[in-house]
Amino acid sequence: MNCFDIHHNLQIITQRIEQAALRCDRDPKDIQLVAVSKFHPATAVQAALDQQQFVFGENRIQEAKEKFIPLIEQTPNIRLHIIGPIQTNKIIDAVKIANVIETVDREALLSPLEKAIDKTGRSPKLFIQINIGEEPQKAGILPAEANDFIELCLKRFGSKVQGVMAIPPVNQNPTPYFQRLASFAHAYQLPEISMGMSADFEEAIACGATLVRVGSAIFGNRPVKI
């Protein structure tokens, strides 16, 4: 996808976010767009930067490092969200580069995360990933275990824990899942709710999303790897 298309798509998505917010009497400024740049080249990210889009989401730590370290040197106000599962041996790299880790999803991650924060002196914001649809193929703490896990994370990380994140089941009405995720954030007075992607971000905004993660509607389909 060329730069013009990315510029045009960003304008459309920004307008749709604003309209969705106004429909439910919310301030559009309270909703942050995370442009999901996974698998797309640095040139695509630069095209988004040219449109004053500075918040990006990446799944893979190695790809994020290779792509964003040079970009951040040129544009220090980039904010990077890690939105994919993190292996414990990659956690220190995630802490070094990320401003937000959206995928704190299991107890085994907590001690390595704590050590990485202590070692690097960096404190990214942390979101608890909840497997809101209870799907075996997806990461995230199960809803039945989420209260205990959130309380454990708050005990260990305090105010670093800022929100919750989830991906609802495909081909189902996402609204009940979004509402359930929002209820966890409200129960613990967490200010951030990361939910909604290209196909359903407007429904997520209606349910209280403060961040929406949009990839293909901005950058097009994932590049084919040869």
Protein backbone atom coordinates (compact mmCIF):
# COMPACT_ATOMS: atom_id res chain seq x y z
CA MET A 1 0.00 0.00 0.00
CA ASN A 2 1.38 3.41 -0.93
CA CYS A 3 1.76 6.44 1.31
CA PHE A 4 -1.26 8.21 -0.17
CA ASP A 5 -3.51 5.27 0.67
CA ILE A 6 -2.22 5.14 4.27
CA HIS A 7 -2.77 8.90 4.64
CA HIS A 8 -6.31 8.57 3.27
CA ASN A 9 -7.12 5.56 5.44
CA LEU A 10 -5.88 7.30 8.58
CA GLN A 11 -8.12 10.27 7.87
CA ILE A 12 -11.13 7.99 7.42
CA ILE A 13 -10.41 6.01 10.61
CA THR A 14 -9.90 9.20 12.61
CA GLN A 15 -13.24 10.53 11.35
CA ARG A 16 -15.00 7.27 12.19
CA ILE A 17 -13.55 7.29 15.71
CA GLU A 18 -14.75 10.85 16.20
CA GLN A 19 -18.23 10.05 14.90
CA ALA A 20 -18.50 6.89 17.01
CA ALA A 21 -17.50 8.84 20.11
CA LEU A 22 -19.99 11.63 19.47
CA ARG A 23 -22.81 9.13 18.92
CA CYS A 24 -22.41 7.95 22.51
CA ASP A 25 -21.71 11.39 24.00
CA ARG A 26 -18.00 10.77 24.49
CA ASP A 27 -15.12 13.12 23.83
CA PRO A 28 -13.16 11.83 20.80
CA LYS A 29 -9.98 13.00 22.52
CA ASP A 30 -10.54 10.30 25.15
CA ILE A 31 -10.01 7.54 22.56
CA GLN A 32 -6.52 6.74 21.34
CA LEU A 33 -5.85 5.10 18.02
CA VAL A 34 -3.16 2.42 18.12
CA ALA A 35 -2.03 1.85 14.53
CA VAL A 36 -1.16 -1.85 14.31
CA SER A 37 1.90 -1.99 12.09
CA LYS A 38 2.84 -5.65 12.57
CA PHE A 39 4.28 -7.26 9.43
CA HIS A 40 4.28 -3.90 7.63
CA PRO A 41 7.57 -2.19 6.72
CA ALA A 42 9.11 0.87 8.29
CA THR A 43 8.07 2.88 5.23
CA ALA A 44 4.43 2.26 6.11
CA VAL A 45 5.05 3.43 9.67
CA GLN A 46 6.78 6.54 8.32
CA ALA A 47 3.74 7.29 6.14
CA ALA A 48 1.58 7.19 9.29
CA LEU A 49 4.08 9.37 11.16
CA ASP A 50 3.80 11.92 8.36
CA GLN A 51 0.10 12.15 9.28
CA GLN A 52 0.93 12.79 12.95
CA GLN A 53 0.06 9.24 14.03
CA PHE A 54 2.58 8.42 16.76
CA VAL A 55 1.08 5.42 18.59
CA PHE A 56 1.77 1.97 17.12
CA GLY A 57 1.17 -1.65 18.03
CA GLU A 58 3.48 -4.57 17.32
CA ASN A 59 3.10 -8.28 18.02
CA ARG A 60 6.63 -9.61 17.81
CA ILE A 61 9.43 -8.24 19.94
CA GLN A 62 12.22 -8.88 17.43
CA GLU A 63 10.29 -7.24 14.61
CA ALA A 64 9.45 -4.30 16.86
CA LYS A 65 13.12 -3.80 17.75
CA GLU A 66 14.35 -3.96 14.16
CA LYS A 67 11.65 -1.64 12.87
CA PHE A 68 11.21 0.88 15.65
CA ILE A 69 14.61 1.48 17.24
CA PRO A 70 15.79 3.48 14.17
CA LEU A 71 12.41 5.23 13.90
CA ILE A 72 12.38 6.20 17.58
CA GLU A 73 15.88 7.69 17.21
CA GLN A 74 14.47 9.99 14.52
CA THR A 75 11.05 10.55 16.16
CA PRO A 76 11.34 10.26 19.95
CA ASN A 77 7.63 10.88 20.58
CA ILE A 78 6.65 7.52 19.06
CA ARG A 79 4.74 5.41 21.58
CA LEU A 80 4.98 1.66 21.07
CA HIS A 81 2.48 -0.89 22.38
CA ILE A 82 3.31 -4.59 22.52
CA ILE A 83 0.04 -6.34 21.67
CA GLY A 84 1.18 -9.92 21.10
CA PRO A 85 2.02 -12.76 23.48
CA ILE A 86 5.41 -12.37 25.16
CA GLN A 87 7.78 -15.22 25.92
CA THR A 88 9.49 -14.85 29.28
CA ASN A 89 12.93 -14.78 27.61
CA LYS A 90 11.82 -11.77 25.53
CA ILE A 91 10.39 -9.73 28.38
CA ILE A 92 13.48 -7.60 28.97
CA ASP A 93 13.53 -6.58 25.30
CA ALA A 94 9.84 -5.71 25.55
CA VAL A 95 10.41 -3.54 28.61
CA LYS A 96 13.33 -1.77 26.91
CA ILE A 97 11.33 -0.73 23.85
CA ALA A 98 7.65 -0.59 24.85
CA ASN A 99 5.73 2.27 26.37
CA VAL A 100 2.79 -0.06 26.98
CA ILE A 101 2.66 -3.85 27.33
CA GLU A 102 -0.92 -4.86 26.65
CA THR A 103 -0.46 -8.59 27.08
CA VAL A 104 0.22 -9.39 30.72
CA ASP A 105 -1.64 -12.67 30.57
CA ARG A 106 -0.27 -15.22 33.06
CA GLU A 107 1.37 -15.49 36.45
CA ALA A 108 4.59 -16.97 35.02
CA LEU A 109 5.27 -13.64 33.31
CA LEU A 110 5.19 -11.55 36.49
CA SER A 111 8.58 -12.31 38.08
CA PRO A 112 10.54 -11.89 34.81
CA LEU A 113 8.60 -8.68 34.19
CA GLU A 114 9.41 -7.37 37.66
CA LYS A 115 13.11 -8.18 37.19
CA ALA A 116 13.18 -6.54 33.75
CA ILE A 117 11.63 -3.35 35.13
CA ASP A 118 14.16 -3.28 37.97
CA LYS A 119 17.10 -3.98 35.64
CA THR A 120 16.23 -1.46 32.94
CA GLY A 121 14.75 1.26 35.12
CA ARG A 122 11.90 1.54 32.61
CA SER A 123 8.28 1.22 33.69
CA PRO A 124 5.94 0.66 30.77
CA LYS A 125 2.23 0.83 31.43
CA LEU A 126 0.77 -2.65 31.89
CA PHE A 127 -2.58 -3.97 30.67
CA ILE A 128 -4.06 -7.29 31.74
CA GLN A 129 -5.05 -9.42 28.76
CA ILE A 130 -8.29 -11.32 29.40
CA ASN A 131 -9.41 -14.21 27.20
CA ILE A 132 -12.89 -12.78 27.23
CA GLY A 133 -14.35 -15.41 24.89
CA GLU A 134 -12.67 -18.30 26.71
CA GLU A 135 -11.15 -19.52 23.45
CA PRO A 136 -8.43 -22.17 23.81
CA GLN A 137 -6.39 -20.84 20.89
CA LYS A 138 -6.10 -17.34 22.37
CA ALA A 139 -3.84 -15.95 25.05
CA GLY A 140 -5.16 -14.19 28.11
CA ILE A 141 -6.27 -14.97 31.63
CA LEU A 142 -9.69 -16.62 31.78
CA PRO A 143 -12.52 -14.43 33.08
CA ALA A 144 -13.10 -16.73 36.05
CA GLU A 145 -9.48 -16.18 37.13
CA ALA A 146 -9.23 -12.53 36.14
CA ASN A 147 -10.17 -10.94 39.46
CA ASP A 148 -7.51 -12.82 41.39
CA PHE A 149 -4.94 -12.12 38.67
CA ILE A 150 -5.70 -8.41 38.48
CA GLU A 151 -5.42 -8.16 42.27
CA LEU A 152 -2.08 -9.99 42.18
CA CYS A 153 -0.77 -7.66 39.46
CA LEU A 154 -1.92 -4.58 41.37
CA LYS A 155 -0.18 -5.87 44.48
CA ARG A 156 3.08 -6.40 42.60
CA PHE A 157 3.07 -3.50 40.16
CA GLY A 158 0.72 -0.92 41.67
CA SER A 159 -0.11 2.02 39.46
CA LYS A 160 1.87 0.55 36.55
CA VAL A 161 -1.26 -1.56 35.94
CA GLN A 162 -3.37 0.82 33.89
CA GLY A 163 -5.90 -1.24 32.00
CA VAL A 164 -7.33 -4.36 30.42
CA MET A 165 -7.21 -5.71 26.88
CA ALA A 166 -9.09 -8.40 24.95
CA ILE A 167 -9.95 -9.74 21.51
CA PRO A 168 -13.55 -11.01 21.23
CA PRO A 169 -14.46 -14.15 19.25
CA VAL A 170 -14.63 -13.74 15.48
CA ASN A 171 -18.02 -13.84 13.77
CA GLN A 172 -19.96 -13.15 16.94
CA ASN A 173 -21.60 -10.00 18.22
CA PRO A 174 -18.67 -8.34 20.04
CA THR A 175 -20.77 -6.08 22.26
CA PRO A 176 -21.36 -8.50 25.17
CA TYR A 177 -17.65 -9.30 25.25
CA PHE A 178 -16.70 -5.63 25.18
CA GLN A 179 -19.15 -4.91 28.00
CA ARG A 180 -17.71 -7.73 30.08
CA LEU A 181 -14.16 -6.52 29.56
CA ALA A 182 -15.15 -2.99 30.53
CA SER A 183 -16.71 -4.31 33.73
CA PHE A 184 -13.30 -5.60 34.88
CA ALA A 185 -11.72 -2.20 34.29
CA HIS A 186 -14.50 -0.44 36.15
CA ALA A 187 -14.37 -2.88 39.09
CA TYR A 188 -10.71 -1.99 39.70
CA GLN A 189 -10.91 1.64 38.59
CA LEU A 190 -8.43 1.02 35.79
CA PRO A 191 -8.49 3.97 33.37
CA GLU A 192 -7.64 2.15 30.13
CA ILE A 193 -9.70 -0.34 28.11
CA SER A 194 -8.03 -1.61 24.94
CA MET A 195 -10.59 -3.28 22.69
CA GLY A 196 -11.85 -3.03 19.16
CA MET A 197 -10.03 -3.62 15.89
CA SER A 198 -10.63 -2.78 12.23
CA ALA A 199 -13.95 -4.63 12.02
CA ASP A 200 -15.51 -3.62 15.34
CA PHE A 201 -13.83 -0.55 16.85
CA GLU A 202 -17.00 1.53 16.66
CA GLU A 203 -18.88 -1.00 18.80
CA ALA A 204 -15.93 -1.01 21.21
CA ILE A 205 -16.09 2.77 21.55
CA ALA A 206 -19.79 2.52 22.37
CA CYS A 207 -18.84 0.09 25.17
CA GLY A 208 -16.17 2.35 26.65
CA ALA A 209 -12.92 1.61 24.80
CA THR A 210 -10.18 4.14 25.49
CA LEU A 211 -7.83 2.55 22.94
CA VAL A 212 -8.70 0.89 19.63
CA ARG A 213 -6.16 -1.21 17.75
CA VAL A 214 -6.58 -0.77 14.00
CA GLY A 215 -4.27 -2.42 11.47
CA SER A 216 -5.65 -3.57 8.12
CA ALA A 217 -8.05 -0.62 7.78
CA ILE A 218 -4.99 1.65 7.85
CA PHE A 219 -2.15 -0.35 6.32
CA GLY A 220 -4.06 -2.86 4.20
CA ASN A 221 -3.73 -6.62 4.37
CA ARG A 222 -0.56 -8.16 5.74
CA PRO A 223 2.24 -8.36 3.17
CA VAL A 224 2.68 -11.82 1.69
CA LYS A 225 5.93 -13.36 2.94
CA ILE A 226 7.86 -15.25 0.27
